[in-house]
Amino acid sequence: DEANQAHEFSLVELHLSDTITKDTSDRDEKTVLKGERAAASAKAKGDLAETKASKAEDEKLKAEIEATFKNKDAVYQQNQKIREDELKAIAKAIEIISSPAVAGSYATHINFAQRGSQAASFLQMGRSRRRLTSAQRATELLARRAKELGSKALAAVASRVAASPNFSKVIDMIE
């Protein structure tokens, strides 16, 4: 009976030592796995923080681009309106210049220039004054529209018209 007890004791001892070895091995594996998971978690948290920061920067850039686009679009639309108004003012100036009074004055002016050495009659002088008045009206219209629209280009056209006493270039362009 003592031999059986010794044999049973050695089996229990063997079983317990195997269980302790296996449990120690399992514990070590779990410790390694826990460390790997903690490292992966820390890396994922770092990636998440970096991604959030990158997203915030991208959203800020997007907002800036959209604001710039809105500003440029508004300026473009305003410039289109100004261009439209400038074209209307130039069309009105062309209408004034091509009116019969101005056209008659132009024909007289060309005839006067072709005569060369002959003196101008009083009738021609009167037409020249009417033409000057039409030119002044066109200049005033262009200047007024340039001021209303804040257009430098239209103001430059008005000053050229005012500086040119005979309007010859403009008349040539109309014809």
Protein backbone atom coordinates (compact mmCIF):
# COMPACT_ATOMS: atom_id res chain seq x y z
CA ASP A 1 0.00 0.00 0.00
CA GLU A 2 2.81 2.38 0.66
CA ALA A 3 4.11 1.74 -2.85
CA ASN A 4 0.72 2.70 -4.23
CA GLN A 5 0.68 5.89 -2.22
CA ALA A 6 4.19 6.75 -3.37
CA HIS A 7 3.20 6.07 -6.95
CA GLU A 8 0.03 8.17 -6.55
CA PHE A 9 2.06 10.97 -4.94
CA SER A 10 4.55 10.96 -7.84
CA LEU A 11 1.65 11.08 -10.33
CA VAL A 12 0.04 14.01 -8.53
CA GLU A 13 3.43 15.71 -8.26
CA LEU A 14 4.06 15.15 -11.99
CA HIS A 15 0.57 16.38 -12.85
CA LEU A 16 0.93 19.51 -10.68
CA SER A 17 4.39 20.33 -12.03
CA ASP A 18 3.07 19.95 -15.63
CA THR A 19 0.09 22.17 -14.78
CA ILE A 20 2.38 24.80 -13.19
CA THR A 21 4.69 24.69 -16.24
CA LYS A 22 1.75 25.02 -18.65
CA ASP A 23 0.13 27.82 -16.62
CA THR A 24 3.47 29.67 -16.45
CA SER A 25 3.90 29.26 -20.19
CA ASP A 26 0.32 30.49 -20.81
CA ARG A 27 0.90 33.45 -18.49
CA ASP A 28 4.11 34.41 -20.32
CA GLU A 29 2.34 34.15 -23.71
CA LYS A 30 -0.52 36.29 -22.44
CA THR A 31 1.96 38.85 -21.08
CA VAL A 32 3.68 39.04 -24.49
CA LEU A 33 0.31 39.25 -26.26
CA LYS A 34 -0.83 41.97 -23.84
CA GLY A 35 2.36 43.93 -24.53
CA GLU A 36 1.88 43.58 -28.30
CA ARG A 37 -1.74 44.69 -28.01
CA ALA A 38 -0.76 47.67 -25.83
CA ALA A 39 1.86 48.69 -28.41
CA ALA A 40 -0.66 48.30 -31.26
CA SER A 41 -3.22 50.30 -29.26
CA ALA A 42 -0.71 53.08 -28.60
CA LYS A 43 0.23 53.14 -32.30
CA ALA A 44 -3.45 53.24 -33.30
CA LYS A 45 -4.11 56.10 -30.86
CA GLY A 46 -1.15 58.00 -32.30
CA ASP A 47 -2.40 57.36 -35.85
CA LEU A 48 -5.87 58.49 -34.81
CA ALA A 49 -4.54 61.74 -33.31
CA GLU A 50 -2.43 62.36 -36.43
CA THR A 51 -5.41 61.65 -38.70
CA LYS A 52 -7.65 63.99 -36.68
CA ALA A 53 -5.02 66.75 -36.89
CA SER A 54 -4.64 66.19 -40.62
CA LYS A 55 -8.42 66.25 -41.07
CA ALA A 56 -8.68 69.52 -39.13
CA GLU A 57 -5.97 71.08 -41.32
CA ASP A 58 -7.70 69.84 -44.47
CA GLU A 59 -11.05 71.23 -43.32
CA LYS A 60 -9.40 74.57 -42.55
CA LEU A 61 -7.80 74.61 -46.02
CA LYS A 62 -11.13 73.68 -47.60
CA ALA A 63 -12.86 76.54 -45.76
CA GLU A 64 -10.17 78.99 -46.91
CA ILE A 65 -10.45 77.79 -50.51
CA GLU A 66 -14.24 78.07 -50.43
CA ALA A 67 -14.04 81.59 -48.96
CA THR A 68 -11.51 82.60 -51.62
CA PHE A 69 -13.73 81.13 -54.31
CA LYS A 70 -16.77 83.01 -53.00
CA ASN A 71 -14.82 86.28 -52.92
CA LYS A 72 -13.42 85.79 -56.41
CA ASP A 73 -16.82 84.78 -57.73
CA ALA A 74 -18.40 87.89 -56.21
CA VAL A 75 -15.69 90.10 -57.72
CA TYR A 76 -16.10 88.37 -61.08
CA GLN A 77 -19.89 88.86 -61.02
CA GLN A 78 -19.42 92.52 -60.08
CA ASN A 79 -16.89 92.98 -62.90
CA GLN A 80 -19.31 91.33 -65.34
CA LYS A 81 -22.00 93.82 -64.29
CA ILE A 82 -19.57 96.71 -64.73
CA ARG A 83 -18.56 95.41 -68.18
CA GLU A 84 -22.21 95.17 -69.15
CA ASP A 85 -22.84 98.75 -67.99
CA GLU A 86 -19.70 99.93 -69.82
CA LEU A 87 -20.93 98.32 -73.02
CA LYS A 88 -24.30 100.01 -72.59
CA ALA A 89 -22.57 103.39 -72.07
CA ILE A 90 -20.38 102.88 -75.14
CA ALA A 91 -23.43 101.86 -77.17
CA LYS A 92 -25.17 105.05 -76.04
CA ALA A 93 -22.09 107.09 -76.99
CA ILE A 94 -22.04 105.43 -80.40
CA GLU A 95 -25.73 106.19 -80.77
CA ILE A 96 -25.07 109.86 -79.96
CA ILE A 97 -22.12 110.01 -82.33
CA SER A 98 -24.08 108.36 -85.13
CA SER A 99 -27.10 110.64 -84.73
CA PRO A 100 -28.05 112.62 -87.88
CA ALA A 101 -26.81 115.88 -86.38
CA VAL A 102 -23.38 114.42 -85.75
CA ALA A 103 -23.37 112.50 -89.05
CA GLY A 104 -24.18 115.72 -90.95
CA SER A 105 -21.45 117.50 -89.05
CA TYR A 106 -19.05 114.71 -89.93
CA ALA A 107 -19.89 114.95 -93.64
CA THR A 108 -19.37 118.73 -93.47
CA HIS A 109 -16.09 118.25 -91.64
CA ILE A 110 -14.81 115.85 -94.29
CA ASN A 111 -15.89 118.25 -97.04
CA PHE A 112 -14.19 121.10 -95.19
CA ALA A 113 -10.98 119.08 -94.88
CA GLN A 114 -11.05 118.17 -98.57
CA ARG A 115 -11.38 121.82 -99.62
CA GLY A 116 -8.16 122.58 -97.85
CA SER A 117 -7.39 126.18 -98.66
CA GLN A 118 -10.97 127.46 -98.79
CA ALA A 119 -12.25 129.30 -95.77
CA ALA A 120 -15.00 127.80 -93.64
CA SER A 121 -18.45 129.27 -94.00
CA PHE A 122 -20.56 130.29 -91.05
CA LEU A 123 -22.88 127.35 -91.79
CA GLN A 124 -19.97 124.93 -91.39
CA MET A 125 -18.91 126.63 -88.18
CA GLY A 126 -22.42 126.15 -86.76
CA ARG A 127 -22.35 122.45 -87.58
CA SER A 128 -18.91 122.20 -86.03
CA ARG A 129 -20.34 123.69 -82.84
CA ARG A 130 -23.24 121.19 -82.92
CA ARG A 131 -20.74 118.42 -83.36
CA LEU A 132 -18.73 119.76 -80.45
CA THR A 133 -21.91 119.80 -78.41
CA SER A 134 -22.60 116.18 -79.38
CA ALA A 135 -19.03 115.27 -78.51
CA GLN A 136 -19.39 117.05 -75.18
CA ARG A 137 -22.65 115.17 -74.52
CA ALA A 138 -20.93 111.88 -75.32
CA THR A 139 -17.99 112.81 -73.09
CA GLU A 140 -20.30 113.79 -70.24
CA LEU A 141 -22.30 110.56 -70.62
CA LEU A 142 -19.15 108.44 -70.59
CA ALA A 143 -17.71 110.32 -67.62
CA ARG A 144 -20.97 110.09 -65.67
CA ARG A 145 -21.30 106.33 -66.32
CA ALA A 146 -17.62 105.81 -65.42
CA LYS A 147 -18.19 107.59 -62.12
CA GLU A 148 -21.40 105.63 -61.40
CA LEU A 149 -19.75 102.31 -62.18
CA GLY A 150 -16.34 103.16 -60.75
CA SER A 151 -14.79 102.07 -64.07
CA LYS A 152 -11.28 103.29 -64.80
CA ALA A 153 -11.45 101.97 -68.37
CA LEU A 154 -14.61 103.94 -69.12
CA ALA A 155 -13.11 107.05 -67.51
CA ALA A 156 -10.07 106.66 -69.76
CA VAL A 157 -12.33 106.47 -72.83
CA ALA A 158 -14.16 109.61 -71.66
CA SER A 159 -10.90 111.51 -71.19
CA ARG A 160 -9.71 110.44 -74.66
CA VAL A 161 -12.98 111.62 -76.17
CA ALA A 162 -12.65 114.94 -74.32
CA ALA A 163 -9.03 115.36 -75.41
CA SER A 164 -9.79 114.64 -79.08
CA PRO A 165 -11.43 117.78 -80.51
CA ASN A 166 -12.54 116.17 -83.75
CA PHE A 167 -13.40 112.66 -82.64
CA SER A 168 -11.87 111.38 -85.86
CA LYS A 169 -10.61 108.07 -84.54
CA VAL A 170 -13.94 107.26 -82.92
CA ILE A 171 -15.84 108.22 -86.05
CA ASP A 172 -13.49 106.11 -88.16
CA MET A 173 -14.10 103.16 -85.82
CA ILE A 174 -17.88 103.59 -86.09
CA GLU A 175 -17.78 103.67 -89.88
